[in-house]
């Protein structure tokens, strides 16, 4: 076995070579160096024989994915939270301590069923998709397993799409509660009101509006950075006026709000206004339904950032009576 050598800096350096593969590390203590050398030697031998899954656990895969893959993604912060949650009490049925080679589709199915008893289908679907992504990377790139067992697990049915529209009286009550006026914004509540109004006018998401900078605003369009990347959103005279009211509130960001603050303040205002049954994101449904009456479906998809025209049917929620009126 390789011996750790003390360096001039007082740390301990160790180098190993297993089946033609070399690796090394430097540690604060000799014990840490020796321990690493032993564990790494076992890993290299297992990798050489194609049996890494016999020593690596699902927890190891989750942590390595969080360290190497998640930081390269958009929205990495939320994914990191979800990966850490896999090791917590809410995922007690997940075989995190089990060796990858011993995990079966039945293990994942038991975890899925336990989650479905206390969580919505949409949440379970997202967790199952993420877990499958972890195991797929472990299979394809790390060579830890030969099979991604998640592929053999039946996925829950897709959740029912929300078809909630925010109606005119509700919008007016919200704007009054938030102190909206046609004057330049001078309070956080008024900023929330204008953010809500621009969402209704353009269909932009809360995160996109919170990240909107003044340099992203042009006379007739704004550039938002969303789930599918950057896109240009056209601005009507009304939406231009809404943005204009924000001048002077924040030097960099148009609304000067964080997504979490926007959501919390919006919910509080809704409660104070005596309203319920809708969320800030329902402004996107409302905007799509309104704009679909004026735009070609492909223009609507471009404006909302949908690569699949079928998404228009998810967000466009007209009533049959409204369609009847337009046919007369």
Protein backbone atom coordinates (compact mmCIF):
# COMPACT_ATOMS: atom_id res chain seq x y z
CA UNK A 1 0.00 0.00 0.00
CA UNK A 2 1.21 3.51 -0.81
CA UNK A 3 2.58 5.49 2.10
CA UNK A 4 1.66 9.08 2.87
CA UNK A 5 4.56 11.55 2.76
CA UNK A 6 4.69 14.74 4.78
CA UNK A 7 5.27 17.81 2.61
CA UNK A 8 7.19 21.01 3.36
CA UNK A 9 3.90 22.73 4.17
CA UNK A 10 3.09 20.20 6.90
CA UNK A 11 0.35 18.43 4.92
CA UNK A 12 0.34 14.78 3.88
CA UNK A 13 0.54 13.68 0.24
CA UNK A 14 -0.26 10.18 -0.97
CA UNK A 15 -0.18 8.64 -4.42
CA UNK A 16 -1.62 5.29 -5.52
CA UNK A 17 -1.55 3.24 -8.68
CA UNK A 18 -4.09 0.49 -9.30
CA UNK A 19 -4.20 -1.53 -12.52
CA UNK A 20 -2.41 1.20 -14.44
CA UNK A 21 -4.52 4.06 -13.06
CA UNK A 22 -2.87 6.67 -10.88
CA UNK A 23 -4.44 9.07 -8.44
CA UNK A 24 -3.18 11.27 -5.62
CA UNK A 25 -4.34 13.60 -2.91
CA UNK A 26 -3.08 15.92 -0.20
CA UNK A 27 -4.62 15.98 3.26
CA UNK A 28 -4.30 17.74 6.60
CA UNK A 29 -3.45 14.57 8.55
CA UNK A 30 -1.77 11.23 7.89
CA UNK A 31 -4.89 9.40 9.02
CA UNK A 32 -6.98 11.19 6.41
CA UNK A 33 -4.40 10.42 3.72
CA UNK A 34 -4.25 6.72 4.60
CA UNK A 35 -8.02 6.44 4.79
CA UNK A 36 -8.43 8.08 1.40
CA UNK A 37 -5.81 5.79 -0.15
CA UNK A 38 -7.61 2.69 1.10
CA UNK A 39 -11.03 3.83 -0.09
CA UNK A 40 -9.72 5.08 -3.43
CA UNK A 41 -7.88 1.80 -4.06
CA UNK A 42 -11.13 -0.11 -3.54
CA UNK A 43 -12.94 2.25 -5.93
CA UNK A 44 -10.32 1.90 -8.66
CA UNK A 45 -10.31 -1.88 -8.42
CA UNK A 46 -14.11 -1.93 -8.61
CA UNK A 47 -14.09 0.45 -11.57
CA UNK A 48 -11.50 -1.67 -13.35
CA UNK A 49 -13.68 -4.75 -12.97
CA UNK A 50 -16.87 -2.85 -13.86
CA UNK A 51 -18.34 -3.30 -10.39
CA UNK A 52 -18.39 0.25 -9.00
CA UNK A 53 -22.05 -0.20 -8.17
CA UNK A 54 -21.12 -2.82 -5.59
CA UNK A 55 -19.39 -0.20 -3.42
CA UNK A 56 -21.22 3.02 -4.33
CA UNK A 57 -24.59 3.82 -2.77
CA UNK A 58 -27.45 5.85 -4.14
CA UNK A 59 -26.46 8.55 -1.66
CA UNK A 60 -22.99 8.67 -3.25
CA UNK A 61 -24.60 9.15 -6.66
CA UNK A 62 -26.89 11.91 -5.41
CA UNK A 63 -24.01 13.81 -3.83
CA UNK A 64 -21.69 13.46 -6.82
CA UNK A 65 -24.47 14.62 -9.15
CA UNK A 66 -25.06 17.63 -6.89
CA UNK A 67 -21.36 18.46 -6.97
CA UNK A 68 -20.56 17.88 -10.64
CA UNK A 69 -23.74 18.17 -12.70
CA UNK A 70 -26.25 20.42 -10.93
CA UNK A 71 -24.00 23.55 -10.84
CA UNK A 72 -23.89 23.52 -14.66
CA UNK A 73 -27.67 23.91 -14.97
CA UNK A 74 -30.02 26.84 -15.05
CA UNK A 75 -32.02 26.86 -11.85
CA UNK A 76 -29.30 24.90 -10.06
CA UNK A 77 -30.20 26.33 -6.66
CA UNK A 78 -33.66 24.73 -6.61
CA UNK A 79 -32.32 21.44 -7.90
CA UNK A 80 -29.66 21.38 -5.19
CA UNK A 81 -32.38 21.78 -2.56
CA UNK A 82 -34.32 18.88 -4.05
CA UNK A 83 -31.24 16.66 -4.17
CA UNK A 84 -30.50 17.33 -0.50
CA UNK A 85 -34.14 16.59 0.35
CA UNK A 86 -33.71 13.07 -1.07
CA UNK A 87 -31.62 12.28 2.00
CA UNK A 88 -34.13 13.75 4.44
CA UNK A 89 -37.14 12.34 6.34
CA UNK A 90 -39.63 13.26 3.61
CA UNK A 91 -37.99 10.61 1.41
CA UNK A 92 -37.67 7.92 4.09
CA UNK A 93 -38.61 5.14 1.64
CA UNK A 94 -35.85 6.05 -0.82
CA UNK A 95 -33.05 3.44 -0.54
CA UNK A 96 -30.32 6.09 -0.28
CA UNK A 97 -28.02 3.84 1.78
CA UNK A 98 -28.40 0.87 -0.51
CA UNK A 99 -25.63 -0.09 -2.93
CA UNK A 100 -26.47 0.83 -6.51
CA UNK A 101 -26.03 -2.74 -7.69
CA UNK A 102 -28.68 -3.90 -5.20
CA UNK A 103 -31.37 -1.32 -5.99
CA UNK A 104 -34.33 -2.66 -7.96
CA UNK A 105 -37.26 -1.09 -9.78
CA UNK A 106 -39.38 -2.41 -6.90
CA UNK A 107 -37.43 -0.27 -4.42
CA UNK A 108 -38.12 2.85 -6.48
CA UNK A 109 -41.78 1.88 -6.92
CA UNK A 110 -42.21 1.59 -3.13
CA UNK A 111 -40.71 5.05 -2.71
CA UNK A 112 -42.97 6.41 -5.47
CA UNK A 113 -46.10 4.97 -3.85
CA UNK A 114 -45.16 6.34 -0.42
CA UNK A 115 -44.65 9.79 -1.92
CA UNK A 116 -47.98 9.69 -3.79
CA UNK A 117 -49.81 9.20 -0.47
CA UNK A 118 -48.68 12.61 0.80
CA UNK A 119 -47.62 14.57 -2.31
CA UNK A 120 -49.26 15.70 -5.53
CA UNK A 121 -48.55 13.80 -8.72
CA UNK A 122 -46.65 16.74 -10.19
CA UNK A 123 -44.22 16.79 -7.28
CA UNK A 124 -43.64 13.04 -7.45
CA UNK A 125 -43.12 13.22 -11.21
CA UNK A 126 -40.45 15.91 -10.82
CA UNK A 127 -38.65 13.88 -8.14
CA UNK A 128 -38.77 10.71 -10.23
CA UNK A 129 -37.44 12.58 -13.27
CA UNK A 130 -34.53 13.98 -11.25
CA UNK A 131 -33.71 10.60 -9.70
CA UNK A 132 -33.74 9.01 -13.14
CA UNK A 133 -31.36 11.71 -14.41
CA UNK A 134 -28.94 10.94 -11.56
CA UNK A 135 -28.95 7.21 -12.30
CA UNK A 136 -28.64 7.81 -16.04
CA UNK A 137 -25.48 9.91 -15.57
CA UNK A 138 -24.16 7.26 -13.18
CA UNK A 139 -24.75 4.68 -15.92
CA UNK A 140 -23.54 6.53 -19.01
CA UNK A 141 -20.73 8.77 -17.77
CA UNK A 142 -19.48 7.32 -14.50
CA UNK A 143 -19.93 3.63 -15.26
CA UNK A 144 -21.30 2.94 -11.79
CA UNK A 145 -24.29 0.87 -12.92
CA UNK A 146 -25.29 -1.10 -16.00
CA UNK A 147 -29.01 -0.29 -15.83
CA UNK A 148 -31.08 2.74 -14.86
CA UNK A 149 -33.82 1.05 -12.82
CA UNK A 150 -36.03 4.15 -12.97
CA UNK A 151 -36.74 3.29 -16.60
CA UNK A 152 -38.69 0.25 -15.44
CA UNK A 153 -40.83 2.20 -12.97
CA UNK A 154 -44.28 3.34 -14.05
CA UNK A 155 -44.57 7.11 -13.88
CA UNK A 156 -47.64 8.69 -12.23
CA UNK A 157 -50.17 10.27 -14.56
CA UNK A 158 -49.48 13.87 -15.45
CA UNK A 159 -51.27 16.29 -13.12
CA UNK A 160 -54.38 18.09 -14.27
CA UNK A 161 -53.49 21.46 -15.75
CA UNK A 162 -54.68 24.52 -13.90
CA UNK A 163 -57.32 26.43 -15.78
CA UNK A 164 -57.62 29.42 -13.46
CA UNK A 165 -58.20 32.84 -14.95
CA UNK A 166 -57.95 36.04 -12.90
CA UNK A 167 -60.98 38.14 -13.69
CA UNK A 168 -61.30 41.90 -13.95
CA UNK A 169 -62.88 42.55 -10.52
CA UNK A 170 -60.17 40.43 -8.84
CA UNK A 171 -57.43 42.29 -10.68
CA UNK A 172 -58.83 45.68 -9.67
CA UNK A 173 -59.15 44.65 -6.01
CA UNK A 174 -55.55 43.41 -6.00
CA UNK A 175 -54.25 46.62 -7.55
CA UNK A 176 -56.17 48.74 -5.03
CA UNK A 177 -54.87 46.62 -2.14
CA UNK A 178 -51.29 47.07 -3.38
CA UNK A 179 -51.69 50.82 -3.72
CA UNK A 180 -51.33 50.97 -7.50
CA UNK A 181 -51.60 54.36 -9.19
CA UNK A 182 -50.59 55.97 -12.46
CA UNK A 183 -47.79 57.81 -10.69
CA UNK A 184 -44.14 56.71 -10.46
CA UNK A 185 -43.63 53.85 -8.00
CA UNK A 186 -42.30 54.73 -4.56
CA UNK A 187 -43.08 51.63 -2.47
CA UNK A 188 -42.47 47.88 -2.63
CA UNK A 189 -46.23 47.21 -2.70
CA UNK A 190 -46.61 49.43 -5.73
CA UNK A 191 -43.71 47.60 -7.39
CA UNK A 192 -45.56 44.31 -6.81
CA UNK A 193 -48.70 45.84 -8.32
CA UNK A 194 -46.87 46.91 -11.48
CA UNK A 195 -45.10 43.57 -11.74
CA UNK A 196 -48.49 41.83 -11.55
CA UNK A 197 -49.90 44.20 -14.15
CA UNK A 198 -47.01 43.62 -16.57
CA UNK A 199 -47.41 39.85 -16.12
CA UNK A 200 -51.06 40.21 -17.15
CA UNK A 201 -50.06 42.33 -20.14
CA UNK A 202 -47.19 40.15 -21.42
CA UNK A 203 -47.54 36.68 -19.90
CA UNK A 204 -44.00 36.82 -18.52
CA UNK A 205 -43.21 34.60 -15.53
CA UNK A 206 -42.53 35.96 -12.05
CA UNK A 207 -38.85 34.94 -12.18
CA UNK A 208 -38.42 36.54 -15.60
CA UNK A 209 -39.86 39.84 -14.40
CA UNK A 210 -37.85 39.83 -11.17
CA UNK A 211 -34.68 39.34 -13.22
CA UNK A 212 -35.59 42.01 -15.79
CA UNK A 213 -32.93 44.74 -15.98
CA UNK A 214 -33.20 48.20 -17.43
CA UNK A 215 -30.61 47.28 -20.07
CA UNK A 216 -33.03 44.55 -21.22
CA UNK A 217 -35.81 47.04 -21.98
CA UNK A 218 -36.18 48.49 -25.49
CA UNK A 219 -38.80 50.93 -26.78
CA UNK A 220 -41.02 48.17 -28.20
CA UNK A 221 -39.82 44.95 -26.56
CA UNK A 222 -38.02 43.53 -23.52
CA UNK A 223 -35.60 40.62 -23.28
CA UNK A 224 -36.35 38.15 -20.51
CA UNK A 225 -34.27 35.19 -19.35
CA UNK A 226 -36.55 32.24 -18.66
CA UNK A 227 -36.76 28.46 -18.51
CA UNK A 228 -36.03 28.04 -22.21
CA UNK A 229 -33.37 30.76 -22.41
CA UNK A 230 -33.60 34.36 -23.46
CA UNK A 231 -36.45 35.61 -25.61
CA UNK A 232 -37.80 38.97 -26.76
CA UNK A 233 -41.27 39.87 -25.52
CA UNK A 234 -43.16 42.58 -27.43
CA UNK A 235 -44.44 45.58 -25.49
CA UNK A 236 -47.73 47.30 -26.15
CA UNK A 237 -48.24 50.99 -25.29
CA UNK A 238 -49.96 49.86 -22.06
CA UNK A 239 -47.05 47.63 -20.99
CA UNK A 240 -44.59 50.39 -21.91
CA UNK A 241 -46.44 52.72 -19.54
CA UNK A 242 -46.34 50.07 -16.79
CA UNK A 243 -42.57 49.80 -17.10
CA UNK A 244 -42.26 53.57 -17.26
CA UNK A 245 -43.85 53.88 -13.81
CA UNK A 246 -40.88 51.94 -12.39
CA UNK A 247 -38.30 54.55 -13.42
CA UNK A 248 -36.29 55.66 -10.41
CA UNK A 249 -37.25 52.75 -8.14
CA UNK A 250 -34.12 50.63 -8.75
CA UNK A 251 -31.02 51.48 -10.76
CA UNK A 252 -30.39 47.99 -12.14
CA UNK A 253 -33.56 45.90 -11.92
CA UNK A 254 -36.84 47.17 -13.29
CA UNK A 255 -38.88 45.95 -10.32
CA UNK A 256 -36.19 45.61 -7.66
CA UNK A 257 -37.83 42.45 -6.31
CA UNK A 258 -36.72 38.89 -5.57
CA UNK A 259 -38.99 36.03 -6.64
CA UNK A 260 -39.52 34.86 -3.05
CA UNK A 261 -40.46 38.36 -1.89
CA UNK A 262 -42.81 38.87 -4.82
CA UNK A 263 -44.65 35.62 -4.08
CA UNK A 264 -44.95 36.33 -0.35
CA UNK A 265 -46.15 39.92 -0.82
CA UNK A 266 -48.61 38.90 -3.52
CA UNK A 267 -50.15 36.22 -1.28
CA UNK A 268 -50.44 38.60 1.68
CA UNK A 269 -52.15 41.23 -0.47
CA UNK A 270 -54.54 38.62 -1.86
CA UNK A 271 -55.51 37.58 1.66
CA UNK A 272 -56.01 41.20 2.78
CA UNK A 273 -58.17 41.80 -0.29
CA UNK A 274 -60.40 38.89 0.75
CA UNK A 275 -59.55 36.88 -2.37
CA UNK A 276 -58.40 33.31 -2.97
CA UNK A 277 -58.17 30.61 -5.62
CA UNK A 278 -55.47 32.11 -7.83
CA UNK A 279 -51.69 32.58 -7.78
CA UNK A 280 -49.32 35.02 -9.41
CA UNK A 281 -48.53 32.42 -12.09
CA UNK A 282 -52.20 32.35 -13.09
CA UNK A 283 -51.56 35.76 -14.63
CA UNK A 284 -49.73 33.82 -17.38
CA UNK A 285 -52.86 31.78 -18.13
CA UNK A 286 -54.92 34.94 -18.08
CA UNK A 287 -52.57 36.77 -20.45
CA UNK A 288 -52.45 33.81 -22.86
CA UNK A 289 -56.23 33.59 -22.99
CA UNK A 290 -56.54 37.31 -23.72
CA UNK A 291 -53.71 37.52 -26.25
CA UNK A 292 -54.81 34.37 -28.10
CA UNK A 293 -57.80 36.33 -29.36
CA UNK A 294 -55.49 38.81 -31.08
CA UNK A 295 -52.41 36.79 -32.09
CA UNK A 296 -51.73 33.89 -34.44
CA UNK A 297 -50.88 30.74 -32.49
CA UNK A 298 -47.25 30.79 -33.67
CA UNK A 299 -46.86 34.42 -32.59
CA UNK A 300 -48.32 33.47 -29.21
CA UNK A 301 -45.82 30.60 -28.89
CA UNK A 302 -42.93 32.93 -29.77
CA UNK A 303 -44.06 35.52 -27.22
CA UNK A 304 -44.49 32.95 -24.43
CA UNK A 305 -41.39 30.90 -25.24
CA UNK A 306 -43.17 27.67 -26.18
CA UNK A 307 -41.33 25.36 -28.57
CA UNK A 308 -44.37 23.09 -28.82
CA UNK A 309 -47.62 24.71 -30.10
CA UNK A 310 -49.54 22.24 -27.91
CA UNK A 311 -48.55 24.39 -24.93
CA UNK A 312 -50.91 27.04 -26.26
CA UNK A 313 -53.80 24.70 -25.46
CA UNK A 314 -52.53 24.33 -21.89
CA UNK A 315 -52.48 28.06 -21.20
CA UNK A 316 -55.24 29.24 -23.54
CA UNK A 317 -58.43 28.67 -21.53
CA UNK A 318 -61.41 30.35 -23.23
CA UNK A 319 -65.00 29.61 -22.24
CA UNK A 320 -67.29 28.06 -24.85
CA UNK A 321 -69.61 31.06 -24.45
CA UNK A 322 -66.75 33.42 -25.34
CA UNK A 323 -66.01 31.47 -28.51
CA UNK A 324 -69.73 31.53 -29.38
CA UNK A 325 -69.77 35.32 -29.14
CA UNK A 326 -66.88 35.60 -31.60
CA UNK A 327 -68.70 33.30 -34.06
CA UNK A 328 -71.76 35.54 -34.26
